[in-house]
Amino acid sequence: MSGYPVLDPHHHECGIVVPTGTTLIATSDETGLAVTLRSVIAFTDGLAVEVDLLAREPAASNTWHDVMTTANPEGLQVGFAFADEPTLTPAPVQHLDATPSWVLHRAGGGDLRFSITWWATPYPPGKRLIMGLEWKRAGIDRRAVAIDVPSPTDLQERIIRIWEQ
């Protein structure tokens, strides 16, 4: 698969938790919706970035459907970059020709919480990944969060390899 990005965390490695703590990215009192950075797991070829979308009260309609559709320009928009402000696009769209590349890895939840994990690859060369997001329908303006990660050398020393490829 030379020339193509790795689209999934390696199953031969135990990734390491990047100490971000749960970070409140944005909240809207008007809509009762919020976005948090829940966790980041580092692998040799990239990062699994998990975000929680939270609702103050159960919605009368399926709020989360809005997040997972590409048809709504006011739905959740997301992007990743190493240094500059990320270009934002609908949450479920994969970007295989960008650097970093990213793809929706998994998503699911209930009435009050919906979790989304994106896989961003390759591993950040400069020890930082910038995640940008905007969710107009939820009243959340464009935001960017810098995620500091271990150096590639530190990662190589700390990663646990279950078996060789």
C-alpha atoms as a PDB file:
ATOM      1  CA  MET A   1       0.000   0.000   0.000  1.00  0.00           C
ATOM      2  CA  SER A   2       2.891   2.325  -0.550  1.00  0.00           C
ATOM      3  CA  GLY A   3       1.788   5.872  -1.308  1.00  0.00           C
ATOM      4  CA  TYR A   4      -1.535   5.579   0.533  1.00  0.00           C
ATOM      5  CA  PRO A   5      -2.174   6.840   4.057  1.00  0.00           C
ATOM      6  CA  VAL A   6      -2.677   4.338   6.871  1.00  0.00           C
ATOM      7  CA  LEU A   7      -6.441   4.474   7.419  1.00  0.00           C
ATOM      8  CA  ASP A   8      -6.661   2.770  10.797  1.00  0.00           C
ATOM      9  CA  PRO A   9      -4.633   2.551  14.014  1.00  0.00           C
ATOM     10  CA  HIS A  10      -2.288  -0.414  13.895  1.00  0.00           C
ATOM     11  CA  HIS A  11      -3.678  -3.466  15.615  1.00  0.00           C
ATOM     12  CA  HIS A  12      -0.144  -4.654  16.362  1.00  0.00           C
ATOM     13  CA  GLU A  13       0.449  -1.691  18.716  1.00  0.00           C
ATOM     14  CA  CYS A  14      -1.018  -0.443  21.966  1.00  0.00           C
ATOM     15  CA  GLY A  15      -1.211   3.284  21.465  1.00  0.00           C
ATOM     16  CA  ILE A  16      -0.265   5.662  24.240  1.00  0.00           C
ATOM     17  CA  VAL A  17      -2.639   8.160  25.809  1.00  0.00           C
ATOM     18  CA  VAL A  18      -1.704  11.764  25.110  1.00  0.00           C
ATOM     19  CA  PRO A  19      -2.300  13.715  28.341  1.00  0.00           C
ATOM     20  CA  THR A  20      -4.807  16.316  27.150  1.00  0.00           C
ATOM     21  CA  GLY A  21      -7.436  15.835  29.839  1.00  0.00           C
ATOM     22  CA  THR A  22     -11.008  16.414  28.764  1.00  0.00           C
ATOM     23  CA  THR A  23     -11.008  19.829  27.107  1.00  0.00           C
ATOM     24  CA  LEU A  24     -14.135  21.905  26.583  1.00  0.00           C
ATOM     25  CA  ILE A  25     -13.765  23.140  23.006  1.00  0.00           C
ATOM     26  CA  ALA A  26     -17.028  25.040  22.722  1.00  0.00           C
ATOM     27  CA  THR A  27     -20.493  25.350  24.195  1.00  0.00           C
ATOM     28  CA  SER A  28     -23.698  27.135  23.253  1.00  0.00           C
ATOM     29  CA  ASP A  29     -26.183  28.094  25.960  1.00  0.00           C
ATOM     30  CA  GLU A  30     -28.662  29.006  23.234  1.00  0.00           C
ATOM     31  CA  THR A  31     -28.804  25.512  21.693  1.00  0.00           C
ATOM     32  CA  GLY A  32     -27.702  23.531  24.762  1.00  0.00           C
ATOM     33  CA  LEU A  33     -24.954  21.759  22.800  1.00  0.00           C
ATOM     34  CA  ALA A  34     -21.250  21.441  23.569  1.00  0.00           C
ATOM     35  CA  VAL A  35     -18.110  19.874  22.082  1.00  0.00           C
ATOM     36  CA  THR A  36     -15.273  18.365  24.126  1.00  0.00           C
ATOM     37  CA  LEU A  37     -11.947  16.820  23.199  1.00  0.00           C
ATOM     38  CA  ARG A  38     -12.238  13.565  25.108  1.00  0.00           C
ATOM     39  CA  SER A  39      -9.028  11.716  24.306  1.00  0.00           C
ATOM     40  CA  VAL A  40      -6.083  11.391  21.975  1.00  0.00           C
ATOM     41  CA  ILE A  41      -4.261   8.093  21.470  1.00  0.00           C
ATOM     42  CA  ALA A  42      -0.866   8.149  19.715  1.00  0.00           C
ATOM     43  CA  PHE A  43       0.320   5.377  17.384  1.00  0.00           C
ATOM     44  CA  THR A  44       3.485   5.319  15.284  1.00  0.00           C
ATOM     45  CA  ASP A  45       1.552   6.251  12.126  1.00  0.00           C
ATOM     46  CA  GLY A  46      -0.957   8.736  13.509  1.00  0.00           C
ATOM     47  CA  LEU A  47      -3.442   9.802  16.148  1.00  0.00           C
ATOM     48  CA  ALA A  48      -6.916   8.665  17.136  1.00  0.00           C
ATOM     49  CA  VAL A  49      -8.731  11.870  18.171  1.00  0.00           C
ATOM     50  CA  GLU A  50     -12.007  11.403  20.081  1.00  0.00           C
ATOM     51  CA  VAL A  51     -14.540  14.195  20.447  1.00  0.00           C
ATOM     52  CA  ASP A  52     -17.799  14.136  22.422  1.00  0.00           C
ATOM     53  CA  LEU A  53     -20.828  16.123  21.325  1.00  0.00           C
ATOM     54  CA  LEU A  54     -23.033  16.768  24.356  1.00  0.00           C
ATOM     55  CA  ALA A  55     -26.643  17.886  24.672  1.00  0.00           C
ATOM     56  CA  ARG A  56     -28.095  19.531  27.775  1.00  0.00           C
ATOM     57  CA  GLU A  57     -31.450  17.857  27.122  1.00  0.00           C
ATOM     58  CA  PRO A  58     -32.671  15.119  24.769  1.00  0.00           C
ATOM     59  CA  ALA A  59     -33.572  16.653  21.415  1.00  0.00           C
ATOM     60  CA  ALA A  60     -37.036  16.337  19.922  1.00  0.00           C
ATOM     61  CA  SER A  61     -35.373  15.428  16.623  1.00  0.00           C
ATOM     62  CA  ASN A  62     -32.225  13.492  15.853  1.00  0.00           C
ATOM     63  CA  THR A  63     -29.557  16.158  16.428  1.00  0.00           C
ATOM     64  CA  TRP A  64     -26.785  13.673  15.746  1.00  0.00           C
ATOM     65  CA  HIS A  65     -28.079  12.925  12.236  1.00  0.00           C
ATOM     66  CA  ASP A  66     -27.164  16.530  11.396  1.00  0.00           C
ATOM     67  CA  VAL A  67     -23.586  15.825  12.473  1.00  0.00           C
ATOM     68  CA  MET A  68     -23.152  12.797  10.255  1.00  0.00           C
ATOM     69  CA  THR A  69     -24.539  14.209   7.007  1.00  0.00           C
ATOM     70  CA  THR A  70     -22.502  15.952   4.344  1.00  0.00           C
ATOM     71  CA  ALA A  71     -25.578  17.669   2.908  1.00  0.00           C
ATOM     72  CA  ASN A  72     -25.989  20.291   5.641  1.00  0.00           C
ATOM     73  CA  PRO A  73     -23.508  23.190   5.405  1.00  0.00           C
ATOM     74  CA  GLU A  74     -24.465  24.153   8.977  1.00  0.00           C
ATOM     75  CA  GLY A  75     -23.633  20.683  10.321  1.00  0.00           C
ATOM     76  CA  LEU A  76     -20.407  19.829  12.103  1.00  0.00           C
ATOM     77  CA  GLN A  77     -17.330  20.818  10.089  1.00  0.00           C
ATOM     78  CA  VAL A  78     -13.877  19.538  11.066  1.00  0.00           C
ATOM     79  CA  GLY A  79     -10.280  19.671   9.868  1.00  0.00           C
ATOM     80  CA  PHE A  80      -6.743  18.831  10.941  1.00  0.00           C
ATOM     81  CA  ALA A  81      -3.379  20.483  10.257  1.00  0.00           C
ATOM     82  CA  PHE A  82       0.185  20.415  11.552  1.00  0.00           C
ATOM     83  CA  ALA A  83       0.928  24.138  11.616  1.00  0.00           C
ATOM     84  CA  ASP A  84      -1.677  26.336   9.928  1.00  0.00           C
ATOM     85  CA  GLU A  85      -5.380  26.829  10.486  1.00  0.00           C
ATOM     86  CA  PRO A  86      -7.136  23.664   9.241  1.00  0.00           C
ATOM     87  CA  THR A  87      -9.498  23.691   6.273  1.00  0.00           C
ATOM     88  CA  LEU A  88     -12.941  22.618   7.519  1.00  0.00           C
ATOM     89  CA  THR A  89     -15.252  20.183   5.736  1.00  0.00           C
ATOM     90  CA  PRO A  90     -18.262  18.065   6.775  1.00  0.00           C
ATOM     91  CA  ALA A  91     -17.398  15.714   9.652  1.00  0.00           C
ATOM     92  CA  PRO A  92     -17.857  12.360   7.882  1.00  0.00           C
ATOM     93  CA  VAL A  93     -15.836  13.248   4.760  1.00  0.00           C
ATOM     94  CA  GLN A  94     -12.452  11.537   4.518  1.00  0.00           C
ATOM     95  CA  HIS A  95      -9.425  13.453   3.298  1.00  0.00           C
ATOM     96  CA  LEU A  96      -6.900  11.084   1.805  1.00  0.00           C
ATOM     97  CA  ASP A  97      -5.034  13.638  -0.291  1.00  0.00           C
ATOM     98  CA  ALA A  98      -4.345  16.094   2.537  1.00  0.00           C
ATOM     99  CA  THR A  99      -1.401  16.216   4.941  1.00  0.00           C
ATOM    100  CA  PRO A 100      -2.352  15.156   7.440  1.00  0.00           C
ATOM    101  CA  SER A 101      -4.950  12.818   5.995  1.00  0.00           C
ATOM    102  CA  TRP A 102      -7.971  12.076   8.146  1.00  0.00           C
ATOM    103  CA  VAL A 103     -10.882   9.698   8.130  1.00  0.00           C
ATOM    104  CA  LEU A 104     -13.867   9.094  10.385  1.00  0.00           C
ATOM    105  CA  HIS A 105     -12.869   6.029  12.389  1.00  0.00           C
ATOM    106  CA  ARG A 106     -16.016   5.437  14.461  1.00  0.00           C
ATOM    107  CA  ALA A 107     -19.080   7.251  15.766  1.00  0.00           C
ATOM    108  CA  GLY A 108     -22.054   6.524  17.966  1.00  0.00           C
ATOM    109  CA  GLY A 109     -23.982   7.528  21.031  1.00  0.00           C
ATOM    110  CA  GLY A 110     -27.346   8.178  22.623  1.00  0.00           C
ATOM    111  CA  ASP A 111     -29.703  11.073  23.356  1.00  0.00           C
ATOM    112  CA  LEU A 112     -27.260  13.199  25.347  1.00  0.00           C
ATOM    113  CA  ARG A 113     -23.812  12.170  24.092  1.00  0.00           C
ATOM    114  CA  PHE A 114     -22.427  11.316  20.660  1.00  0.00           C
ATOM    115  CA  SER A 115     -18.764  10.314  20.362  1.00  0.00           C
ATOM    116  CA  ILE A 116     -16.738  10.608  17.178  1.00  0.00           C
ATOM    117  CA  THR A 117     -13.190   9.362  16.630  1.00  0.00           C
ATOM    118  CA  TRP A 118     -11.119  10.543  13.694  1.00  0.00           C
ATOM    119  CA  TRP A 119      -7.872   8.916  12.586  1.00  0.00           C
ATOM    120  CA  ALA A 120      -5.282  11.511  11.516  1.00  0.00           C
ATOM    121  CA  THR A 121      -2.105  10.325   9.774  1.00  0.00           C
ATOM    122  CA  PRO A 122       0.902  10.576   9.600  1.00  0.00           C
ATOM    123  CA  TYR A 123       2.155  11.203  13.119  1.00  0.00           C
ATOM    124  CA  PRO A 124       2.808  14.947  13.612  1.00  0.00           C
ATOM    125  CA  PRO A 125       6.479  15.658  12.816  1.00  0.00           C
ATOM    126  CA  GLY A 126       6.515  18.844  14.917  1.00  0.00           C
ATOM    127  CA  LYS A 127       4.871  17.437  18.068  1.00  0.00           C
ATOM    128  CA  ARG A 128       1.572  19.263  17.421  1.00  0.00           C
ATOM    129  CA  LEU A 129      -1.724  18.559  15.681  1.00  0.00           C
ATOM    130  CA  ILE A 130      -4.249  21.346  15.246  1.00  0.00           C
ATOM    131  CA  MET A 131      -7.908  20.386  15.142  1.00  0.00           C
ATOM    132  CA  GLY A 132     -10.396  22.920  13.843  1.00  0.00           C
ATOM    133  CA  LEU A 133     -14.167  22.707  14.040  1.00  0.00           C
ATOM    134  CA  GLU A 134     -17.326  24.688  13.507  1.00  0.00           C
ATOM    135  CA  TRP A 135     -20.972  23.732  14.041  1.00  0.00           C
ATOM    136  CA  LYS A 136     -23.180  26.585  12.880  1.00  0.00           C
ATOM    137  CA  ARG A 137     -26.462  24.791  13.575  1.00  0.00           C
ATOM    138  CA  ALA A 138     -25.370  24.344  17.188  1.00  0.00           C
ATOM    139  CA  GLY A 139     -24.318  28.000  17.525  1.00  0.00           C
ATOM    140  CA  ILE A 140     -20.629  27.055  17.727  1.00  0.00           C
ATOM    141  CA  ASP A 141     -18.283  29.334  15.796  1.00  0.00           C
ATOM    142  CA  ARG A 142     -14.999  28.232  14.286  1.00  0.00           C
ATOM    143  CA  ARG A 143     -12.532  27.025  16.930  1.00  0.00           C
ATOM    144  CA  ALA A 144      -9.054  25.554  16.809  1.00  0.00           C
ATOM    145  CA  VAL A 145      -7.402  23.386  19.443  1.00  0.00           C
ATOM    146  CA  ALA A 146      -3.667  22.665  19.513  1.00  0.00           C
ATOM    147  CA  ILE A 147      -2.923  19.114  20.624  1.00  0.00           C
ATOM    148  CA  ASP A 148       0.654  18.690  21.827  1.00  0.00           C
ATOM    149  CA  VAL A 149       1.947  15.135  21.418  1.00  0.00           C
ATOM    150  CA  PRO A 150       5.132  13.304  22.429  1.00  0.00           C
ATOM    151  CA  SER A 151       8.080  13.615  20.091  1.00  0.00           C
ATOM    152  CA  PRO A 152       8.436  10.755  17.599  1.00  0.00           C
ATOM    153  CA  THR A 153      11.484   9.574  19.601  1.00  0.00           C
ATOM    154  CA  ASP A 154       9.511   9.533  22.877  1.00  0.00           C
ATOM    155  CA  LEU A 155       6.672   7.740  21.139  1.00  0.00           C
ATOM    156  CA  GLN A 156       9.004   5.033  19.822  1.00  0.00           C
ATOM    157  CA  GLU A 157      10.340   4.479  23.350  1.00  0.00           C
ATOM    158  CA  ARG A 158       6.894   4.301  24.979  1.00  0.00           C
ATOM    159  CA  ILE A 159       4.751   2.486  22.405  1.00  0.00           C
ATOM    160  CA  ILE A 160       3.993  -1.171  23.120  1.00  0.00           C
ATOM    161  CA  ARG A 161       4.305  -3.476  20.130  1.00  0.00           C
ATOM    162  CA  ILE A 162       2.187  -6.582  20.550  1.00  0.00           C
ATOM    163  CA  TRP A 163       3.773  -8.366  17.600  1.00  0.00           C
ATOM    164  CA  GLU A 164       5.818  -7.494  14.561  1.00  0.00           C
ATOM    165  CA  GLN A 165       4.019  -6.746  11.329  1.00  0.00           C
END
